[in-house]
Amino acid sequence: MTQENIAKYLGLGSHSIISSWENGSRKISVDYLKKIADLFGINMIDLMDETPGASIINSSLSFRCKDFSEKNYKQIASFMRIIKNYHKMKSLANE
């Protein structure tokens, strides 16, 4: 995924906003953090953790497509939320 792809998914006018989030020159809103976390199937806090490898992602998925549309990214984010919730329910059932 490129900054441009993610910018389209988030409904941003430019990928430069994502670059400014990455380099710390601009703060990101909680709404955007949630959408990005959903897309990658992780918790928002994992996006803010500065320790590389601190979080283990239990799902590994591959999507092949020549050109992803904004709708495709929304579908992936919805699917990843389902997977994340499944893992959460499974861990609660094992307690």
N, C-alpha and C. Protein backbone atom coordinates (compact mmCIF):
# COMPACT_ATOMS: atom_id res chain seq x y z
N MET A 1 0.84 -1.18 0.00
CA MET A 1 0.00 0.00 0.00
C MET A 1 0.88 1.24 0.00
N THR A 2 0.47 2.19 -0.76
CA THR A 2 1.23 3.43 -0.81
C THR A 2 0.51 4.51 0.01
N GLN A 3 1.22 5.58 0.28
CA GLN A 3 0.61 6.71 0.97
C GLN A 3 -0.59 7.23 0.17
N GLU A 4 -0.45 7.22 -1.14
CA GLU A 4 -1.54 7.69 -2.00
C GLU A 4 -2.78 6.79 -1.86
N ASN A 5 -2.57 5.46 -1.84
CA ASN A 5 -3.70 4.54 -1.67
C ASN A 5 -4.41 4.77 -0.34
N ILE A 6 -3.62 4.90 0.71
CA ILE A 6 -4.21 5.08 2.03
C ILE A 6 -4.89 6.44 2.14
N ALA A 7 -4.32 7.45 1.50
CA ALA A 7 -4.94 8.78 1.50
C ALA A 7 -6.33 8.72 0.84
N LYS A 8 -6.43 7.98 -0.26
CA LYS A 8 -7.73 7.83 -0.93
C LYS A 8 -8.71 7.10 -0.02
N TYR A 9 -8.25 6.02 0.63
CA TYR A 9 -9.10 5.26 1.55
C TYR A 9 -9.61 6.16 2.68
N LEU A 10 -8.75 7.04 3.18
CA LEU A 10 -9.13 7.93 4.28
C LEU A 10 -9.92 9.14 3.83
N GLY A 11 -10.00 9.35 2.51
CA GLY A 11 -10.72 10.51 1.99
C GLY A 11 -9.92 11.80 2.10
N LEU A 12 -8.60 11.68 2.10
CA LEU A 12 -7.74 12.86 2.18
C LEU A 12 -7.44 13.37 0.78
N GLY A 13 -7.20 14.63 0.66
CA GLY A 13 -6.91 15.22 -0.64
C GLY A 13 -5.51 14.92 -1.14
N SER A 14 -4.60 14.66 -0.21
CA SER A 14 -3.20 14.50 -0.62
C SER A 14 -2.51 13.47 0.27
N HIS A 15 -1.57 12.75 -0.32
CA HIS A 15 -0.79 11.79 0.46
C HIS A 15 0.26 12.48 1.33
N SER A 16 0.50 13.76 1.08
CA SER A 16 1.49 14.49 1.88
C SER A 16 1.06 14.61 3.34
N ILE A 17 -0.23 14.52 3.61
CA ILE A 17 -0.72 14.55 4.99
C ILE A 17 -0.21 13.32 5.73
N ILE A 18 -0.26 12.17 5.07
CA ILE A 18 0.23 10.94 5.68
C ILE A 18 1.72 11.04 5.95
N SER A 19 2.46 11.61 5.02
CA SER A 19 3.89 11.81 5.20
C SER A 19 4.16 12.69 6.43
N SER A 20 3.36 13.72 6.60
CA SER A 20 3.56 14.61 7.76
C SER A 20 3.22 13.91 9.07
N TRP A 21 2.27 12.95 9.05
CA TRP A 21 2.00 12.14 10.24
C TRP A 21 3.20 11.26 10.54
N GLU A 22 3.76 10.65 9.50
CA GLU A 22 4.87 9.73 9.68
C GLU A 22 6.12 10.42 10.21
N ASN A 23 6.38 11.63 9.76
CA ASN A 23 7.60 12.31 10.21
C ASN A 23 7.37 13.16 11.46
N GLY A 24 6.14 13.15 11.97
CA GLY A 24 5.84 13.82 13.23
C GLY A 24 5.61 15.30 13.14
N SER A 25 5.52 15.85 11.95
CA SER A 25 5.31 17.29 11.81
C SER A 25 3.83 17.67 11.92
N ARG A 26 2.96 16.69 11.95
CA ARG A 26 1.53 16.94 12.05
C ARG A 26 0.90 15.85 12.90
N LYS A 27 -0.05 16.22 13.74
CA LYS A 27 -0.75 15.25 14.60
C LYS A 27 -1.87 14.59 13.81
N ILE A 28 -2.14 13.33 14.17
CA ILE A 28 -3.20 12.58 13.52
C ILE A 28 -4.40 12.50 14.45
N SER A 29 -5.59 12.59 13.89
CA SER A 29 -6.79 12.52 14.72
C SER A 29 -7.11 11.08 15.08
N VAL A 30 -7.86 10.90 16.11
CA VAL A 30 -8.28 9.57 16.56
C VAL A 30 -9.11 8.89 15.48
N ASP A 31 -9.93 9.64 14.77
CA ASP A 31 -10.75 9.05 13.70
C ASP A 31 -9.89 8.40 12.63
N TYR A 32 -8.83 9.08 12.21
CA TYR A 32 -7.94 8.52 11.20
C TYR A 32 -7.15 7.34 11.75
N LEU A 33 -6.72 7.44 13.02
CA LEU A 33 -6.03 6.31 13.64
C LEU A 33 -6.91 5.07 13.63
N LYS A 34 -8.18 5.24 13.95
CA LYS A 34 -9.11 4.10 13.99
C LYS A 34 -9.25 3.48 12.60
N LYS A 35 -9.40 4.31 11.59
CA LYS A 35 -9.54 3.79 10.22
C LYS A 35 -8.29 3.04 9.76
N ILE A 36 -7.13 3.58 10.10
CA ILE A 36 -5.88 2.92 9.71
C ILE A 36 -5.72 1.60 10.48
N ALA A 37 -6.03 1.62 11.76
CA ALA A 37 -5.95 0.40 12.57
C ALA A 37 -6.90 -0.67 12.02
N ASP A 38 -8.10 -0.26 11.63
CA ASP A 38 -9.05 -1.20 11.04
C ASP A 38 -8.50 -1.80 9.75
N LEU A 39 -7.87 -0.98 8.94
CA LEU A 39 -7.33 -1.45 7.67
C LEU A 39 -6.27 -2.53 7.88
N PHE A 40 -5.44 -2.35 8.92
CA PHE A 40 -4.37 -3.31 9.19
C PHE A 40 -4.75 -4.38 10.21
N GLY A 41 -5.97 -4.29 10.75
CA GLY A 41 -6.43 -5.31 11.69
C GLY A 41 -5.70 -5.30 13.02
N ILE A 42 -5.34 -4.11 13.47
CA ILE A 42 -4.63 -3.98 14.75
C ILE A 42 -5.35 -2.96 15.63
N ASN A 43 -4.90 -2.84 16.87
CA ASN A 43 -5.45 -1.84 17.78
C ASN A 43 -4.79 -0.49 17.53
N MET A 44 -5.52 0.57 17.80
CA MET A 44 -4.97 1.91 17.60
C MET A 44 -3.68 2.12 18.38
N ILE A 45 -3.62 1.59 19.58
CA ILE A 45 -2.44 1.79 20.43
C ILE A 45 -1.19 1.21 19.78
N ASP A 46 -1.36 0.14 18.98
CA ASP A 46 -0.22 -0.46 18.29
C ASP A 46 0.37 0.49 17.26
N LEU A 47 -0.45 1.36 16.69
CA LEU A 47 0.05 2.34 15.73
C LEU A 47 0.88 3.43 16.41
N MET A 48 0.61 3.66 17.67
CA MET A 48 1.29 4.72 18.39
C MET A 48 2.53 4.23 19.13
N ASP A 49 2.71 2.90 19.21
CA ASP A 49 3.85 2.33 19.93
C ASP A 49 5.12 2.56 19.13
N GLU A 50 6.11 3.16 19.75
CA GLU A 50 7.36 3.47 19.06
C GLU A 50 8.38 2.34 19.15
N THR A 51 8.03 1.26 19.83
CA THR A 51 8.94 0.13 19.97
C THR A 51 8.70 -0.86 18.83
N PRO A 52 9.63 -0.99 17.90
CA PRO A 52 9.43 -1.92 16.79
C PRO A 52 9.25 -3.35 17.29
N GLY A 53 8.27 -4.02 16.73
CA GLY A 53 8.04 -5.42 17.09
C GLY A 53 7.34 -5.61 18.42
N ALA A 54 6.86 -4.54 19.04
CA ALA A 54 6.22 -4.67 20.35
C ALA A 54 4.88 -5.37 20.25
N SER A 55 4.26 -5.30 19.13
CA SER A 55 2.95 -5.91 18.95
C SER A 55 3.05 -7.08 17.97
N ILE A 56 2.39 -8.17 18.31
CA ILE A 56 2.34 -9.32 17.42
C ILE A 56 0.97 -9.34 16.77
N ILE A 57 0.94 -9.33 15.46
CA ILE A 57 -0.32 -9.39 14.74
C ILE A 57 -0.61 -10.86 14.44
N ASN A 58 -1.79 -11.31 14.86
CA ASN A 58 -2.13 -12.73 14.73
C ASN A 58 -2.66 -13.10 13.36
N SER A 59 -2.90 -12.15 12.50
CA SER A 59 -3.44 -12.44 11.18
C SER A 59 -2.46 -11.98 10.11
N SER A 60 -2.30 -12.79 9.13
CA SER A 60 -1.47 -12.42 7.99
C SER A 60 -2.29 -12.73 6.74
N LEU A 61 -2.63 -11.69 6.01
CA LEU A 61 -3.47 -11.85 4.83
C LEU A 61 -2.81 -11.18 3.64
N SER A 62 -3.09 -11.70 2.49
CA SER A 62 -2.56 -11.12 1.27
C SER A 62 -3.71 -10.85 0.31
N PHE A 63 -3.73 -9.65 -0.24
CA PHE A 63 -4.75 -9.28 -1.20
C PHE A 63 -4.04 -8.89 -2.48
N ARG A 64 -4.39 -9.54 -3.57
CA ARG A 64 -3.76 -9.21 -4.85
C ARG A 64 -4.79 -8.54 -5.75
N CYS A 65 -4.39 -7.41 -6.23
CA CYS A 65 -5.26 -6.65 -7.10
C CYS A 65 -4.40 -5.61 -7.81
N LYS A 66 -4.68 -5.40 -9.07
CA LYS A 66 -3.89 -4.42 -9.82
C LYS A 66 -4.16 -3.00 -9.31
N ASP A 67 -5.40 -2.65 -9.21
CA ASP A 67 -5.78 -1.31 -8.75
C ASP A 67 -6.86 -1.42 -7.69
N PHE A 68 -6.51 -1.07 -6.47
CA PHE A 68 -7.48 -1.08 -5.39
C PHE A 68 -8.26 0.23 -5.43
N SER A 69 -9.55 0.13 -5.24
CA SER A 69 -10.38 1.33 -5.16
C SER A 69 -10.61 1.66 -3.68
N GLU A 70 -11.15 2.82 -3.42
CA GLU A 70 -11.49 3.21 -2.05
C GLU A 70 -12.44 2.18 -1.45
N LYS A 71 -13.38 1.67 -2.27
CA LYS A 71 -14.32 0.65 -1.79
C LYS A 71 -13.58 -0.62 -1.37
N ASN A 72 -12.56 -1.03 -2.12
CA ASN A 72 -11.77 -2.21 -1.76
C ASN A 72 -11.12 -2.04 -0.40
N TYR A 73 -10.55 -0.87 -0.15
CA TYR A 73 -9.91 -0.62 1.14
C TYR A 73 -10.93 -0.64 2.28
N LYS A 74 -12.11 -0.11 2.04
CA LYS A 74 -13.16 -0.15 3.07
C LYS A 74 -13.57 -1.60 3.35
N GLN A 75 -13.64 -2.42 2.31
CA GLN A 75 -13.99 -3.82 2.49
C GLN A 75 -12.90 -4.56 3.26
N ILE A 76 -11.65 -4.29 2.95
CA ILE A 76 -10.54 -4.91 3.67
C ILE A 76 -10.58 -4.52 5.14
N ALA A 77 -10.81 -3.23 5.42
CA ALA A 77 -10.88 -2.76 6.80
C ALA A 77 -12.01 -3.45 7.56
N SER A 78 -13.16 -3.62 6.92
CA SER A 78 -14.29 -4.31 7.56
C SER A 78 -13.93 -5.76 7.85
N PHE A 79 -13.29 -6.41 6.89
CA PHE A 79 -12.88 -7.80 7.06
C PHE A 79 -11.87 -7.92 8.21
N MET A 80 -10.91 -7.02 8.26
CA MET A 80 -9.90 -7.06 9.31
C MET A 80 -10.52 -6.83 10.69
N ARG A 81 -11.55 -5.98 10.79
CA ARG A 81 -12.26 -5.80 12.07
C ARG A 81 -12.89 -7.12 12.50
N ILE A 82 -13.47 -7.84 11.55
CA ILE A 82 -14.09 -9.14 11.86
C ILE A 82 -13.03 -10.11 12.38
N ILE A 83 -11.89 -10.19 11.72
CA ILE A 83 -10.80 -11.08 12.14
C ILE A 83 -10.31 -10.70 13.53
N LYS A 84 -10.11 -9.41 13.76
CA LYS A 84 -9.62 -8.94 15.07
C LYS A 84 -10.63 -9.30 16.16
N ASN A 85 -11.92 -9.10 15.89
CA ASN A 85 -12.94 -9.44 16.88
C ASN A 85 -13.02 -10.94 17.12
N TYR A 86 -12.82 -11.73 16.06
CA TYR A 86 -12.81 -13.18 16.21
C TYR A 86 -11.69 -13.62 17.15
N HIS A 87 -10.48 -13.06 16.95
CA HIS A 87 -9.36 -13.41 17.82
C HIS A 87 -9.63 -12.99 19.26
N LYS A 88 -10.24 -11.86 19.43
CA LYS A 88 -10.56 -11.37 20.77
C LYS A 88 -11.57 -12.29 21.45
N MET A 89 -12.61 -12.68 20.73
CA MET A 89 -13.63 -13.58 21.29
C MET A 89 -13.02 -14.95 21.62
N LYS A 90 -12.15 -15.42 20.75
CA LYS A 90 -11.51 -16.72 20.96
C LYS A 90 -10.64 -16.69 22.22
N SER A 91 -9.89 -15.60 22.41
CA SER A 91 -9.04 -15.50 23.61
C SER A 91 -9.88 -15.37 24.87
N LEU A 92 -11.01 -14.69 24.80
CA LEU A 92 -11.90 -14.59 25.95
C LEU A 92 -12.52 -15.94 26.30
N ALA A 93 -12.84 -16.72 25.28
CA ALA A 93 -13.43 -18.05 25.51
C ALA A 93 -12.44 -18.99 26.17
N ASN A 94 -11.15 -18.77 25.94
CA ASN A 94 -10.10 -19.63 26.51
C ASN A 94 -9.70 -19.24 27.91
N GLU A 95 -10.22 -18.13 28.41
CA GLU A 95 -9.85 -17.68 29.78
C GLU A 95 -10.56 -18.51 30.83
